[in-house]
Amino acid sequence: MEYTIKDISKMAGVSARTLRYYDEIGLLSPSRISSSGYRIYGKEEINKLQQILFYREFDLPLEKITNLLHESDYDREKTLKEHKEKLLEKRKQIDLMLETIDKSISDTKGMITMKDTEKFRGLKEKNLKINEEKYGKEIREKYGEEVVEKSNRKYAEQSQQTHEKAERLAQEILGKLYAAMEEKDPSSEEAQEVARLHKEWISIYWPTYSREAHRGLAQMYVDDERFKAYYDKEKEGAAEFLRDTIEVFTR
């Protein structure tokens, strides 16, 4: 069966303007152009649009989607299964949030008493998932599955007071790091205070502390552009200075 751009727009809930743009950038072209100049779409294009919309649901940029759909080994069935897994994970997260909200309502009514850690369970699970997607592979390769899982459990069981302390420490570290850089001496008293605070901060998340692991983390801040950008966002060279500071501190 064939469809006009108007048919597709109504069926998929996508504007005709968007479909024309997809054609312009080579993401989704019609199967043919009619004698009247209308874009005509067939089953293959329908399937492709479905994949595009699934990818957009996961916030993938159009350029990335275009590259994925044009890969020589593109497999529709495999891709659909991957979409399903992601959606199931998303549903799990939503169910957890709803469960937390229901318990919070019951707690407000005095029907149950929630632990403080329970009140933030859904939000913490979301943060862990985001962290896993961003850094999971590198961290697991560097520190191992057991350490990462213990760290995740420790974070999930944190009280709100501990969580707020970690947030305050993170901001304090940045502020004092930038100030200590003015002296250009990683062994200065000010710089070593930064390293001490950093140890206190990571100890909130890590199951155990070791000097070697602390040095390794500091080096990763320099080697990984994502971490480097975080520390260098207000002052270039901050990641390197923090690494050198921690190197002195862990001797």
C-alpha atoms as a PDB file:
ATOM      1  CA  MET A   1       0.000   0.000   0.000  1.00  0.00           C
ATOM      2  CA  GLU A   2       1.175   3.532  -0.766  1.00  0.00           C
ATOM      3  CA  TYR A   3       0.646   6.749   1.169  1.00  0.00           C
ATOM      4  CA  THR A   4       0.926  10.454   0.493  1.00  0.00           C
ATOM      5  CA  ILE A   5       2.777  12.736   2.881  1.00  0.00           C
ATOM      6  CA  LYS A   6      -0.631  13.834   4.246  1.00  0.00           C
ATOM      7  CA  ASP A   7      -1.568  10.209   4.968  1.00  0.00           C
ATOM      8  CA  ILE A   8       1.739   9.563   6.750  1.00  0.00           C
ATOM      9  CA  SER A   9       1.419  12.762   8.753  1.00  0.00           C
ATOM     10  CA  LYS A  10      -2.016  11.774  10.046  1.00  0.00           C
ATOM     11  CA  MET A  11      -1.081   8.134  10.698  1.00  0.00           C
ATOM     12  CA  ALA A  12       2.222   8.740  12.535  1.00  0.00           C
ATOM     13  CA  GLY A  13       1.448  12.067  14.175  1.00  0.00           C
ATOM     14  CA  VAL A  14       4.361  13.762  12.429  1.00  0.00           C
ATOM     15  CA  SER A  15       3.967  17.057  10.631  1.00  0.00           C
ATOM     16  CA  ALA A  16       4.323  17.202   6.867  1.00  0.00           C
ATOM     17  CA  ARG A  17       7.013  19.824   7.379  1.00  0.00           C
ATOM     18  CA  THR A  18       9.046  17.365   9.468  1.00  0.00           C
ATOM     19  CA  LEU A  19       8.682  14.650   6.828  1.00  0.00           C
ATOM     20  CA  ARG A  20       9.866  17.034   4.128  1.00  0.00           C
ATOM     21  CA  TYR A  21      12.852  17.946   6.300  1.00  0.00           C
ATOM     22  CA  TYR A  22      13.690  14.251   6.776  1.00  0.00           C
ATOM     23  CA  ASP A  23      13.716  13.953   2.986  1.00  0.00           C
ATOM     24  CA  GLU A  24      15.976  16.993   2.616  1.00  0.00           C
ATOM     25  CA  ILE A  25      18.627  15.631   4.985  1.00  0.00           C
ATOM     26  CA  GLY A  26      18.505  12.123   3.509  1.00  0.00           C
ATOM     27  CA  LEU A  27      16.979  10.495   6.572  1.00  0.00           C
ATOM     28  CA  LEU A  28      13.680   9.398   5.051  1.00  0.00           C
ATOM     29  CA  SER A  29      13.054   9.777   1.331  1.00  0.00           C
ATOM     30  CA  PRO A  30       9.799   8.760  -0.387  1.00  0.00           C
ATOM     31  CA  SER A  31       9.737   5.643  -2.546  1.00  0.00           C
ATOM     32  CA  ARG A  32       8.793   7.787  -5.554  1.00  0.00           C
ATOM     33  CA  ILE A  33       7.428  11.132  -6.669  1.00  0.00           C
ATOM     34  CA  SER A  34       4.039  11.051  -8.410  1.00  0.00           C
ATOM     35  CA  SER A  35       3.376  12.688 -11.775  1.00  0.00           C
ATOM     36  CA  SER A  36       1.695  15.487  -9.823  1.00  0.00           C
ATOM     37  CA  GLY A  37       4.842  16.053  -7.736  1.00  0.00           C
ATOM     38  CA  TYR A  38       3.590  14.424  -4.531  1.00  0.00           C
ATOM     39  CA  ARG A  39       5.868  12.373  -2.296  1.00  0.00           C
ATOM     40  CA  ILE A  40       4.683   8.752  -2.166  1.00  0.00           C
ATOM     41  CA  TYR A  41       5.691   6.379   0.638  1.00  0.00           C
ATOM     42  CA  GLY A  42       5.518   2.574   0.763  1.00  0.00           C
ATOM     43  CA  LYS A  43       5.891  -0.159   3.411  1.00  0.00           C
ATOM     44  CA  GLU A  44       9.662   0.167   3.596  1.00  0.00           C
ATOM     45  CA  GLU A  45       9.422   3.885   4.331  1.00  0.00           C
ATOM     46  CA  ILE A  46       6.708   3.255   6.951  1.00  0.00           C
ATOM     47  CA  ASN A  47       8.993   0.793   8.745  1.00  0.00           C
ATOM     48  CA  LYS A  48      11.876   3.235   8.547  1.00  0.00           C
ATOM     49  CA  LEU A  49       9.790   6.075   9.970  1.00  0.00           C
ATOM     50  CA  GLN A  50       8.777   3.841  12.854  1.00  0.00           C
ATOM     51  CA  GLN A  51      12.454   3.274  13.679  1.00  0.00           C
ATOM     52  CA  ILE A  52      13.218   6.985  13.433  1.00  0.00           C
ATOM     53  CA  LEU A  53      10.446   7.847  15.871  1.00  0.00           C
ATOM     54  CA  PHE A  54      11.614   5.167  18.304  1.00  0.00           C
ATOM     55  CA  TYR A  55      15.130   6.582  18.173  1.00  0.00           C
ATOM     56  CA  ARG A  56      13.768  10.107  18.698  1.00  0.00           C
ATOM     57  CA  GLU A  57      11.929   8.827  21.767  1.00  0.00           C
ATOM     58  CA  PHE A  58      15.370   8.062  23.212  1.00  0.00           C
ATOM     59  CA  ASP A  59      16.614  11.566  22.301  1.00  0.00           C
ATOM     60  CA  LEU A  60      19.100  10.460  19.642  1.00  0.00           C
ATOM     61  CA  PRO A  61      20.163  13.304  17.311  1.00  0.00           C
ATOM     62  CA  LEU A  62      19.045  13.064  13.689  1.00  0.00           C
ATOM     63  CA  GLU A  63      22.614  12.759  12.434  1.00  0.00           C
ATOM     64  CA  LYS A  64      23.174   9.717  14.637  1.00  0.00           C
ATOM     65  CA  ILE A  65      19.878   8.149  13.505  1.00  0.00           C
ATOM     66  CA  THR A  66      20.819   8.693   9.858  1.00  0.00           C
ATOM     67  CA  ASN A  67      24.132   6.912  10.376  1.00  0.00           C
ATOM     68  CA  LEU A  68      22.472   4.002  12.190  1.00  0.00           C
ATOM     69  CA  LEU A  69      19.826   3.443   9.517  1.00  0.00           C
ATOM     70  CA  HIS A  70      22.406   3.572   6.731  1.00  0.00           C
ATOM     71  CA  GLU A  71      24.728   0.968   8.253  1.00  0.00           C
ATOM     72  CA  SER A  72      25.333  -1.972   5.924  1.00  0.00           C
ATOM     73  CA  ASP A  73      24.488  -4.513   8.642  1.00  0.00           C
ATOM     74  CA  TYR A  74      21.317  -2.747   9.796  1.00  0.00           C
ATOM     75  CA  ASP A  75      18.882  -5.347  11.163  1.00  0.00           C
ATOM     76  CA  ARG A  76      15.275  -4.229  11.760  1.00  0.00           C
ATOM     77  CA  GLU A  77      14.370  -7.135  14.064  1.00  0.00           C
ATOM     78  CA  LYS A  78      17.474  -6.657  16.190  1.00  0.00           C
ATOM     79  CA  THR A  79      16.824  -2.920  16.403  1.00  0.00           C
ATOM     80  CA  LEU A  80      13.211  -3.460  17.476  1.00  0.00           C
ATOM     81  CA  LYS A  81      14.368  -5.796  20.240  1.00  0.00           C
ATOM     82  CA  GLU A  82      16.830  -3.168  21.423  1.00  0.00           C
ATOM     83  CA  HIS A  83      14.026  -0.597  21.472  1.00  0.00           C
ATOM     84  CA  LYS A  84      11.919  -2.993  23.518  1.00  0.00           C
ATOM     85  CA  GLU A  85      14.674  -3.462  26.093  1.00  0.00           C
ATOM     86  CA  LYS A  86      15.089   0.286  26.481  1.00  0.00           C
ATOM     87  CA  LEU A  87      11.357   0.831  26.833  1.00  0.00           C
ATOM     88  CA  LEU A  88      11.089  -1.946  29.437  1.00  0.00           C
ATOM     89  CA  GLU A  89      13.876  -0.265  31.382  1.00  0.00           C
ATOM     90  CA  LYS A  90      12.060   3.053  31.072  1.00  0.00           C
ATOM     91  CA  ARG A  91       8.820   1.441  32.267  1.00  0.00           C
ATOM     92  CA  LYS A  92      10.673  -0.053  35.231  1.00  0.00           C
ATOM     93  CA  GLN A  93      11.913   3.418  36.144  1.00  0.00           C
ATOM     94  CA  ILE A  94       8.403   4.920  35.842  1.00  0.00           C
ATOM     95  CA  ASP A  95       6.902   2.083  37.921  1.00  0.00           C
ATOM     96  CA  LEU A  96       9.500   2.710  40.613  1.00  0.00           C
ATOM     97  CA  MET A  97       8.714   6.436  40.638  1.00  0.00           C
ATOM     98  CA  LEU A  98       4.962   5.699  40.885  1.00  0.00           C
ATOM     99  CA  GLU A  99       5.573   3.265  43.735  1.00  0.00           C
ATOM    100  CA  THR A 100       7.597   5.925  45.582  1.00  0.00           C
ATOM    101  CA  ILE A 101       4.844   8.504  45.047  1.00  0.00           C
ATOM    102  CA  ASP A 102       2.146   6.090  46.332  1.00  0.00           C
ATOM    103  CA  LYS A 103       4.207   5.350  49.442  1.00  0.00           C
ATOM    104  CA  SER A 104       4.801   9.070  49.962  1.00  0.00           C
ATOM    105  CA  ILE A 105       1.043   9.719  49.818  1.00  0.00           C
ATOM    106  CA  SER A 106       0.445   6.953  52.372  1.00  0.00           C
ATOM    107  CA  ASP A 107       3.238   8.383  54.531  1.00  0.00           C
ATOM    108  CA  THR A 108       1.615  11.846  54.373  1.00  0.00           C
ATOM    109  CA  LYS A 109      -1.715  10.352  55.478  1.00  0.00           C
ATOM    110  CA  GLY A 110      -0.007   8.584  58.364  1.00  0.00           C
ATOM    111  CA  MET A 111      -0.868   5.137  56.988  1.00  0.00           C
ATOM    112  CA  ILE A 112       2.801   4.068  56.817  1.00  0.00           C
ATOM    113  CA  THR A 113       6.183   5.437  57.864  1.00  0.00           C
ATOM    114  CA  MET A 114       8.701   5.767  55.049  1.00  0.00           C
ATOM    115  CA  LYS A 115      12.429   5.660  55.636  1.00  0.00           C
ATOM    116  CA  ASP A 116      14.207   8.762  54.379  1.00  0.00           C
ATOM    117  CA  THR A 117      16.223   6.627  51.941  1.00  0.00           C
ATOM    118  CA  GLU A 118      12.994   5.284  50.411  1.00  0.00           C
ATOM    119  CA  LYS A 119      11.778   8.778  49.526  1.00  0.00           C
ATOM    120  CA  PHE A 120      14.505   9.224  46.936  1.00  0.00           C
ATOM    121  CA  ARG A 121      14.733   5.684  45.625  1.00  0.00           C
ATOM    122  CA  GLY A 122      13.200   6.371  42.229  1.00  0.00           C
ATOM    123  CA  LEU A 123      15.298   9.465  41.638  1.00  0.00           C
ATOM    124  CA  LYS A 124      18.489   7.689  42.633  1.00  0.00           C
ATOM    125  CA  GLU A 125      17.742   4.781  40.313  1.00  0.00           C
ATOM    126  CA  LYS A 126      17.395   7.278  37.486  1.00  0.00           C
ATOM    127  CA  ASN A 127      20.727   8.897  38.360  1.00  0.00           C
ATOM    128  CA  LEU A 128      22.434   5.505  38.475  1.00  0.00           C
ATOM    129  CA  LYS A 129      21.055   4.654  35.049  1.00  0.00           C
ATOM    130  CA  ILE A 130      22.296   7.942  33.577  1.00  0.00           C
ATOM    131  CA  ASN A 131      25.710   7.430  35.163  1.00  0.00           C
ATOM    132  CA  GLU A 132      25.863   3.872  33.825  1.00  0.00           C
ATOM    133  CA  GLU A 133      25.074   5.029  30.295  1.00  0.00           C
ATOM    134  CA  LYS A 134      27.714   7.762  30.429  1.00  0.00           C
ATOM    135  CA  TYR A 135      30.589   6.141  32.284  1.00  0.00           C
ATOM    136  CA  GLY A 136      29.624   2.548  33.085  1.00  0.00           C
ATOM    137  CA  LYS A 137      31.903   0.836  30.601  1.00  0.00           C
ATOM    138  CA  GLU A 138      35.042   2.768  31.544  1.00  0.00           C
ATOM    139  CA  ILE A 139      34.445   2.534  35.292  1.00  0.00           C
ATOM    140  CA  ARG A 140      33.730  -1.200  35.219  1.00  0.00           C
ATOM    141  CA  GLU A 141      36.833  -1.868  33.137  1.00  0.00           C
ATOM    142  CA  LYS A 142      38.952   0.204  35.521  1.00  0.00           C
ATOM    143  CA  TYR A 143      37.589  -0.899  38.908  1.00  0.00           C
ATOM    144  CA  GLY A 144      35.722  -4.150  38.221  1.00  0.00           C
ATOM    145  CA  GLU A 145      32.089  -5.245  38.515  1.00  0.00           C
ATOM    146  CA  GLU A 146      32.119  -5.902  42.262  1.00  0.00           C
ATOM    147  CA  VAL A 147      33.454  -2.478  43.227  1.00  0.00           C
ATOM    148  CA  VAL A 148      30.994  -0.675  40.947  1.00  0.00           C
ATOM    149  CA  GLU A 149      28.010  -2.666  42.223  1.00  0.00           C
ATOM    150  CA  LYS A 150      28.984  -2.011  45.860  1.00  0.00           C
ATOM    151  CA  SER A 151      29.365   1.675  45.073  1.00  0.00           C
ATOM    152  CA  ASN A 152      25.938   1.772  43.417  1.00  0.00           C
ATOM    153  CA  ARG A 153      24.327   0.087  46.419  1.00  0.00           C
ATOM    154  CA  LYS A 154      26.000   2.530  48.782  1.00  0.00           C
ATOM    155  CA  TYR A 155      24.656   5.441  46.738  1.00  0.00           C
ATOM    156  CA  ALA A 156      21.146   3.949  46.610  1.00  0.00           C
ATOM    157  CA  GLU A 157      21.083   3.605  50.408  1.00  0.00           C
ATOM    158  CA  GLN A 158      22.291   7.151  51.090  1.00  0.00           C
ATOM    159  CA  SER A 159      20.211   9.365  53.332  1.00  0.00           C
ATOM    160  CA  GLN A 160      19.099  12.735  52.008  1.00  0.00           C
ATOM    161  CA  GLN A 161      21.475  14.381  54.490  1.00  0.00           C
ATOM    162  CA  THR A 162      24.442  12.475  53.030  1.00  0.00           C
ATOM    163  CA  HIS A 163      23.328  13.261  49.492  1.00  0.00           C
ATOM    164  CA  GLU A 164      23.154  16.974  50.281  1.00  0.00           C
ATOM    165  CA  LYS A 165      26.593  16.802  51.903  1.00  0.00           C
ATOM    166  CA  ALA A 166      28.021  15.277  48.726  1.00  0.00           C
ATOM    167  CA  GLU A 167      26.471  18.035  46.634  1.00  0.00           C
ATOM    168  CA  ARG A 168      27.959  20.712  48.903  1.00  0.00           C
ATOM    169  CA  LEU A 169      31.385  19.072  48.806  1.00  0.00           C
ATOM    170  CA  ALA A 170      31.342  18.905  45.007  1.00  0.00           C
ATOM    171  CA  GLN A 171      30.747  22.645  44.767  1.00  0.00           C
ATOM    172  CA  GLU A 172      33.284  23.421  47.493  1.00  0.00           C
ATOM    173  CA  ILE A 173      35.922  21.353  45.699  1.00  0.00           C
ATOM    174  CA  LEU A 174      35.464  23.301  42.461  1.00  0.00           C
ATOM    175  CA  GLY A 175      35.611  26.668  44.178  1.00  0.00           C
ATOM    176  CA  LYS A 176      38.727  25.859  46.204  1.00  0.00           C
ATOM    177  CA  LEU A 177      40.361  24.138  43.229  1.00  0.00           C
ATOM    178  CA  TYR A 178      40.099  27.260  41.070  1.00  0.00           C
ATOM    179  CA  ALA A 179      41.408  29.401  43.931  1.00  0.00           C
ATOM    180  CA  ALA A 180      44.350  27.065  44.625  1.00  0.00           C
ATOM    181  CA  MET A 181      45.376  27.164  40.971  1.00  0.00           C
ATOM    182  CA  GLU A 182      46.401  30.805  41.400  1.00  0.00           C
ATOM    183  CA  GLU A 183      49.490  29.689  43.344  1.00  0.00           C
ATOM    184  CA  LYS A 184      50.383  27.079  40.687  1.00  0.00           C
ATOM    185  CA  ASP A 185      51.650  24.739  43.397  1.00  0.00           C
ATOM    186  CA  PRO A 186      49.831  21.401  43.825  1.00  0.00           C
ATOM    187  CA  SER A 187      51.679  20.828  47.096  1.00  0.00           C
ATOM    188  CA  SER A 188      50.453  24.081  48.680  1.00  0.00           C
ATOM    189  CA  GLU A 189      48.261  23.956  51.773  1.00  0.00           C
ATOM    190  CA  GLU A 190      45.281  25.237  49.763  1.00  0.00           C
ATOM    191  CA  ALA A 191      45.758  22.618  47.045  1.00  0.00           C
ATOM    192  CA  GLN A 192      46.110  19.800  49.559  1.00  0.00           C
ATOM    193  CA  GLU A 193      42.877  20.913  51.209  1.00  0.00           C
ATOM    194  CA  VAL A 194      41.203  20.374  47.819  1.00  0.00           C
ATOM    195  CA  ALA A 195      42.624  16.845  47.641  1.00  0.00           C
ATOM    196  CA  ARG A 196      41.437  16.126  51.195  1.00  0.00           C
ATOM    197  CA  LEU A 197      37.929  17.313  50.341  1.00  0.00           C
ATOM    198  CA  HIS A 198      37.998  15.218  47.177  1.00  0.00           C
ATOM    199  CA  LYS A 199      38.879  12.144  49.247  1.00  0.00           C
ATOM    200  CA  GLU A 200      35.975  12.926  51.576  1.00  0.00           C
ATOM    201  CA  TRP A 201      33.663  13.321  48.578  1.00  0.00           C
ATOM    202  CA  ILE A 202      34.554  10.055  46.829  1.00  0.00           C
ATOM    203  CA  SER A 203      34.445   8.189  50.142  1.00  0.00           C
ATOM    204  CA  ILE A 204      30.718   8.968  50.235  1.00  0.00           C
ATOM    205  CA  TYR A 205      30.310   6.868  47.091  1.00  0.00           C
ATOM    206  CA  TRP A 206      33.136   4.332  47.202  1.00  0.00           C
ATOM    207  CA  PRO A 207      32.767   1.177  49.330  1.00  0.00           C
ATOM    208  CA  THR A 208      36.461   1.441  50.333  1.00  0.00           C
ATOM    209  CA  TYR A 209      39.197   4.014  49.772  1.00  0.00           C
ATOM    210  CA  SER A 210      42.683   3.382  48.437  1.00  0.00           C
ATOM    211  CA  ARG A 211      45.399   5.803  47.395  1.00  0.00           C
ATOM    212  CA  GLU A 212      46.034   3.914  44.174  1.00  0.00           C
ATOM    213  CA  ALA A 213      42.361   4.118  43.161  1.00  0.00           C
ATOM    214  CA  HIS A 214      42.293   7.818  44.045  1.00  0.00           C
ATOM    215  CA  ARG A 215      45.286   8.468  41.767  1.00  0.00           C
ATOM    216  CA  GLY A 216      43.689   6.399  39.019  1.00  0.00           C
ATOM    217  CA  LEU A 217      40.467   8.399  39.220  1.00  0.00           C
ATOM    218  CA  ALA A 218      42.378  11.679  39.062  1.00  0.00           C
ATOM    219  CA  GLN A 219      44.209  10.493  35.945  1.00  0.00           C
ATOM    220  CA  MET A 220      40.904   9.531  34.355  1.00  0.00           C
ATOM    221  CA  TYR A 221      39.712  13.115  34.888  1.00  0.00           C
ATOM    222  CA  VAL A 222      42.518  14.162  32.540  1.00  0.00           C
ATOM    223  CA  ASP A 223      42.317  11.308  30.032  1.00  0.00           C
ATOM    224  CA  ASP A 224      38.530  11.318  29.564  1.00  0.00           C
ATOM    225  CA  GLU A 225      37.263  14.417  27.751  1.00  0.00           C
ATOM    226  CA  ARG A 226      33.898  14.283  29.517  1.00  0.00           C
ATOM    227  CA  PHE A 227      35.442  14.538  32.986  1.00  0.00           C
ATOM    228  CA  LYS A 228      38.040  17.019  31.768  1.00  0.00           C
ATOM    229  CA  ALA A 229      35.329  19.308  30.390  1.00  0.00           C
ATOM    230  CA  TYR A 230      33.541  19.265  33.760  1.00  0.00           C
ATOM    231  CA  TYR A 231      36.585  20.482  35.696  1.00  0.00           C
ATOM    232  CA  ASP A 232      37.894  22.790  32.967  1.00  0.00           C
ATOM    233  CA  LYS A 233      34.523  24.457  32.332  1.00  0.00           C
ATOM    234  CA  GLU A 234      35.479  27.622  34.209  1.00  0.00           C
ATOM    235  CA  LYS A 235      39.263  27.364  34.273  1.00  0.00           C
ATOM    236  CA  GLU A 236      41.390  25.540  31.724  1.00  0.00           C
ATOM    237  CA  GLY A 237      43.924  23.158  33.211  1.00  0.00           C
ATOM    238  CA  ALA A 238      41.853  22.471  36.333  1.00  0.00           C
ATOM    239  CA  ALA A 239      41.665  18.716  35.691  1.00  0.00           C
ATOM    240  CA  GLU A 240      45.456  18.475  35.359  1.00  0.00           C
ATOM    241  CA  PHE A 241      46.001  20.569  38.479  1.00  0.00           C
ATOM    242  CA  LEU A 242      43.576  18.403  40.472  1.00  0.00           C
ATOM    243  CA  ARG A 243      45.399  15.275  39.283  1.00  0.00           C
ATOM    244  CA  ASP A 244      48.760  16.710  40.375  1.00  0.00           C
ATOM    245  CA  THR A 245      47.280  17.775  43.700  1.00  0.00           C
ATOM    246  CA  ILE A 246      45.936  14.273  44.350  1.00  0.00           C
ATOM    247  CA  GLU A 247      49.257  12.780  43.249  1.00  0.00           C
ATOM    248  CA  VAL A 248      51.003  14.746  46.013  1.00  0.00           C
ATOM    249  CA  PHE A 249      48.257  13.959  48.522  1.00  0.00           C
ATOM    250  CA  THR A 250      48.407  10.181  47.948  1.00  0.00           C
ATOM    251  CA  ARG A 251      52.179   9.885  48.304  1.00  0.00           C
END
